Amino acid sequence: AAGAGSVHDPDDAVDVYGGGVVTALERRVAGLLGTEAAAFFPTGTMAQQVALRCWAGRTGNATVALHPLAHPEL
């Protein structure tokens, strides 16, 4: 396992569902935050979309209010 401050080995899998450097990053961040799991999103806009979808699913309300210049609106 790579230690703190180590560089990614270019021969390792870069992006594999359930493995690779993304999973390693998510596990490391979860450990740093003391949480069971973490999810990496390549953009803030993608993270916002997932957060809104999760909120709608939990509340049963798919209606949200957004500022006209909010990322999901642009």
N, C-alpha and C. Protein backbone atom coordinates (compact mmCIF):
# COMPACT_ATOMS: atom_id res chain seq x y z
N ALA A 1 0.85 -1.20 0.00
CA ALA A 1 0.00 0.00 0.00
C ALA A 1 0.88 1.23 0.00
N ALA A 2 0.43 2.23 -0.70
CA ALA A 2 1.19 3.48 -0.79
C ALA A 2 1.10 4.24 0.52
N GLY A 3 2.20 4.82 0.91
CA GLY A 3 2.22 5.59 2.14
C GLY A 3 1.88 7.05 1.89
N ALA A 4 1.77 7.80 2.97
CA ALA A 4 1.46 9.23 2.86
C ALA A 4 2.54 9.92 2.05
N GLY A 5 2.13 10.74 1.11
CA GLY A 5 3.07 11.48 0.30
C GLY A 5 3.68 10.69 -0.84
N SER A 6 3.28 9.43 -1.00
CA SER A 6 3.85 8.63 -2.08
C SER A 6 3.21 9.00 -3.41
N VAL A 7 3.90 8.66 -4.48
CA VAL A 7 3.43 8.95 -5.82
C VAL A 7 2.79 7.70 -6.39
N HIS A 8 1.74 7.88 -7.17
CA HIS A 8 1.04 6.76 -7.81
C HIS A 8 1.98 6.02 -8.76
N ASP A 9 1.98 4.71 -8.68
CA ASP A 9 2.78 3.88 -9.58
C ASP A 9 2.08 3.83 -10.94
N PRO A 10 2.72 4.29 -12.01
CA PRO A 10 2.07 4.32 -13.32
C PRO A 10 1.68 2.94 -13.85
N ASP A 11 2.21 1.88 -13.27
CA ASP A 11 1.85 0.53 -13.70
C ASP A 11 0.59 0.01 -13.01
N ASP A 12 0.12 0.72 -11.97
CA ASP A 12 -1.10 0.32 -11.27
C ASP A 12 -2.32 0.67 -12.12
N ALA A 13 -3.43 -0.01 -11.85
CA ALA A 13 -4.69 0.30 -12.54
C ALA A 13 -5.11 1.72 -12.20
N VAL A 14 -5.44 2.49 -13.21
CA VAL A 14 -5.81 3.88 -12.99
C VAL A 14 -7.27 4.01 -12.59
N ASP A 15 -8.17 3.38 -13.31
CA ASP A 15 -9.59 3.52 -13.02
C ASP A 15 -10.29 2.22 -13.33
N VAL A 16 -10.65 1.49 -12.29
CA VAL A 16 -11.34 0.22 -12.41
C VAL A 16 -12.51 0.27 -11.44
N TYR A 17 -13.69 -0.17 -11.88
CA TYR A 17 -14.82 -0.19 -10.96
C TYR A 17 -14.49 -1.06 -9.76
N GLY A 18 -14.49 -0.44 -8.59
CA GLY A 18 -14.19 -1.17 -7.37
C GLY A 18 -12.71 -1.36 -7.11
N GLY A 19 -11.85 -0.64 -7.80
CA GLY A 19 -10.42 -0.76 -7.58
C GLY A 19 -9.67 0.38 -8.24
N GLY A 20 -8.37 0.35 -8.18
CA GLY A 20 -7.56 1.38 -8.81
C GLY A 20 -7.34 2.57 -7.90
N VAL A 21 -6.79 3.62 -8.48
CA VAL A 21 -6.39 4.78 -7.68
C VAL A 21 -7.57 5.56 -7.13
N VAL A 22 -8.72 5.53 -7.81
CA VAL A 22 -9.89 6.25 -7.29
C VAL A 22 -10.36 5.61 -5.99
N THR A 23 -10.44 4.29 -5.96
CA THR A 23 -10.83 3.59 -4.73
C THR A 23 -9.80 3.84 -3.63
N ALA A 24 -8.53 3.84 -3.97
CA ALA A 24 -7.49 4.11 -2.98
C ALA A 24 -7.65 5.52 -2.42
N LEU A 25 -7.95 6.49 -3.28
CA LEU A 25 -8.17 7.86 -2.83
C LEU A 25 -9.39 7.93 -1.91
N GLU A 26 -10.49 7.30 -2.28
CA GLU A 26 -11.70 7.32 -1.47
C GLU A 26 -11.45 6.69 -0.10
N ARG A 27 -10.73 5.59 -0.06
CA ARG A 27 -10.43 4.94 1.23
C ARG A 27 -9.54 5.82 2.10
N ARG A 28 -8.56 6.45 1.46
CA ARG A 28 -7.65 7.32 2.22
C ARG A 28 -8.40 8.52 2.81
N VAL A 29 -9.26 9.14 2.01
CA VAL A 29 -10.03 10.28 2.50
C VAL A 29 -10.99 9.85 3.60
N ALA A 30 -11.64 8.70 3.45
CA ALA A 30 -12.52 8.20 4.50
C ALA A 30 -11.74 8.01 5.79
N GLY A 31 -10.54 7.45 5.70
CA GLY A 31 -9.71 7.27 6.88
C GLY A 31 -9.33 8.59 7.52
N LEU A 32 -8.98 9.57 6.70
CA LEU A 32 -8.61 10.89 7.22
C LEU A 32 -9.78 11.57 7.91
N LEU A 33 -10.99 11.36 7.37
CA LEU A 33 -12.18 12.00 7.93
C LEU A 33 -12.84 11.17 9.03
N GLY A 34 -12.36 9.95 9.21
CA GLY A 34 -12.94 9.08 10.23
C GLY A 34 -14.34 8.60 9.87
N THR A 35 -14.60 8.44 8.58
CA THR A 35 -15.90 7.95 8.12
C THR A 35 -15.77 6.56 7.53
N GLU A 36 -16.90 5.89 7.38
CA GLU A 36 -16.90 4.53 6.84
C GLU A 36 -16.49 4.51 5.37
N ALA A 37 -16.92 5.53 4.64
CA ALA A 37 -16.64 5.57 3.20
C ALA A 37 -16.59 7.01 2.72
N ALA A 38 -16.06 7.19 1.53
CA ALA A 38 -16.03 8.49 0.88
C ALA A 38 -16.24 8.26 -0.61
N ALA A 39 -16.70 9.29 -1.30
CA ALA A 39 -16.90 9.20 -2.75
C ALA A 39 -16.18 10.36 -3.42
N PHE A 40 -15.44 10.06 -4.47
CA PHE A 40 -14.72 11.09 -5.22
C PHE A 40 -15.52 11.44 -6.47
N PHE A 41 -15.69 12.73 -6.71
CA PHE A 41 -16.34 13.22 -7.93
C PHE A 41 -15.36 14.13 -8.64
N PRO A 42 -15.21 13.99 -9.95
CA PRO A 42 -14.23 14.79 -10.67
C PRO A 42 -14.59 16.27 -10.77
N THR A 43 -15.87 16.61 -10.56
CA THR A 43 -16.27 18.02 -10.60
C THR A 43 -17.24 18.33 -9.48
N GLY A 44 -17.26 19.58 -9.07
CA GLY A 44 -18.21 20.03 -8.06
C GLY A 44 -19.64 19.94 -8.57
N THR A 45 -19.83 20.21 -9.85
CA THR A 45 -21.17 20.14 -10.44
C THR A 45 -21.72 18.72 -10.35
N MET A 46 -20.88 17.73 -10.62
CA MET A 46 -21.32 16.34 -10.51
C MET A 46 -21.68 16.00 -9.07
N ALA A 47 -20.87 16.46 -8.13
CA ALA A 47 -21.14 16.21 -6.71
C ALA A 47 -22.47 16.86 -6.30
N GLN A 48 -22.74 18.07 -6.79
CA GLN A 48 -24.01 18.74 -6.48
C GLN A 48 -25.19 17.95 -7.02
N GLN A 49 -25.08 17.43 -8.24
CA GLN A 49 -26.16 16.65 -8.83
C GLN A 49 -26.45 15.40 -7.99
N VAL A 50 -25.41 14.72 -7.55
CA VAL A 50 -25.59 13.52 -6.73
C VAL A 50 -26.19 13.89 -5.38
N ALA A 51 -25.72 14.98 -4.77
CA ALA A 51 -26.27 15.41 -3.48
C ALA A 51 -27.76 15.74 -3.61
N LEU A 52 -28.14 16.44 -4.68
CA LEU A 52 -29.55 16.76 -4.89
C LEU A 52 -30.38 15.51 -5.11
N ARG A 53 -29.85 14.56 -5.86
CA ARG A 53 -30.56 13.31 -6.11
C ARG A 53 -30.74 12.51 -4.82
N CYS A 54 -29.71 12.47 -3.98
CA CYS A 54 -29.81 11.77 -2.69
C CYS A 54 -30.83 12.45 -1.79
N TRP A 55 -30.79 13.78 -1.75
CA TRP A 55 -31.75 14.53 -0.92
C TRP A 55 -33.17 14.26 -1.38
N ALA A 56 -33.41 14.30 -2.69
CA ALA A 56 -34.74 14.05 -3.23
C ALA A 56 -35.21 12.64 -2.88
N GLY A 57 -34.32 11.67 -2.97
CA GLY A 57 -34.67 10.30 -2.64
C GLY A 57 -35.00 10.11 -1.17
N ARG A 58 -34.26 10.77 -0.30
CA ARG A 58 -34.49 10.64 1.14
C ARG A 58 -35.76 11.34 1.59
N THR A 59 -36.07 12.48 0.98
CA THR A 59 -37.23 13.26 1.40
C THR A 59 -38.49 12.91 0.62
N GLY A 60 -38.34 12.26 -0.53
CA GLY A 60 -39.49 11.98 -1.38
C GLY A 60 -39.97 13.21 -2.12
N ASN A 61 -39.17 14.27 -2.11
CA ASN A 61 -39.53 15.53 -2.76
C ASN A 61 -38.45 15.86 -3.79
N ALA A 62 -38.81 15.82 -5.05
CA ALA A 62 -37.85 16.07 -6.12
C ALA A 62 -37.75 17.55 -6.48
N THR A 63 -38.45 18.42 -5.75
CA THR A 63 -38.42 19.85 -6.04
C THR A 63 -37.32 20.52 -5.24
N VAL A 64 -36.49 21.28 -5.92
CA VAL A 64 -35.44 22.06 -5.26
C VAL A 64 -35.46 23.48 -5.81
N ALA A 65 -34.99 24.42 -5.02
CA ALA A 65 -34.88 25.81 -5.46
C ALA A 65 -33.40 26.11 -5.67
N LEU A 66 -33.08 26.69 -6.80
CA LEU A 66 -31.70 27.02 -7.13
C LEU A 66 -31.60 28.47 -7.57
N HIS A 67 -30.52 29.10 -7.22
CA HIS A 67 -30.22 30.44 -7.73
C HIS A 67 -30.00 30.31 -9.25
N PRO A 68 -30.43 31.30 -10.03
CA PRO A 68 -30.28 31.21 -11.49
C PRO A 68 -28.84 31.01 -11.97
N LEU A 69 -27.85 31.39 -11.16
CA LEU A 69 -26.45 31.21 -11.56
C LEU A 69 -25.80 30.00 -10.89
N ALA A 70 -26.60 29.16 -10.22
CA ALA A 70 -26.06 27.96 -9.59
C ALA A 70 -25.54 27.01 -10.68
N HIS A 71 -24.48 26.27 -10.38
CA HIS A 71 -23.88 25.36 -11.36
C HIS A 71 -24.90 24.43 -12.04
N PRO A 72 -25.82 23.81 -11.28
CA PRO A 72 -26.76 22.91 -11.95
C PRO A 72 -27.68 23.62 -12.96
N GLU A 73 -27.81 24.93 -12.84
CA GLU A 73 -28.67 25.68 -13.75
C GLU A 73 -27.95 26.11 -15.01
N LEU A 74 -26.63 26.22 -14.97
CA LEU A 74 -25.90 26.77 -16.11
C LEU A 74 -25.75 25.79 -17.24
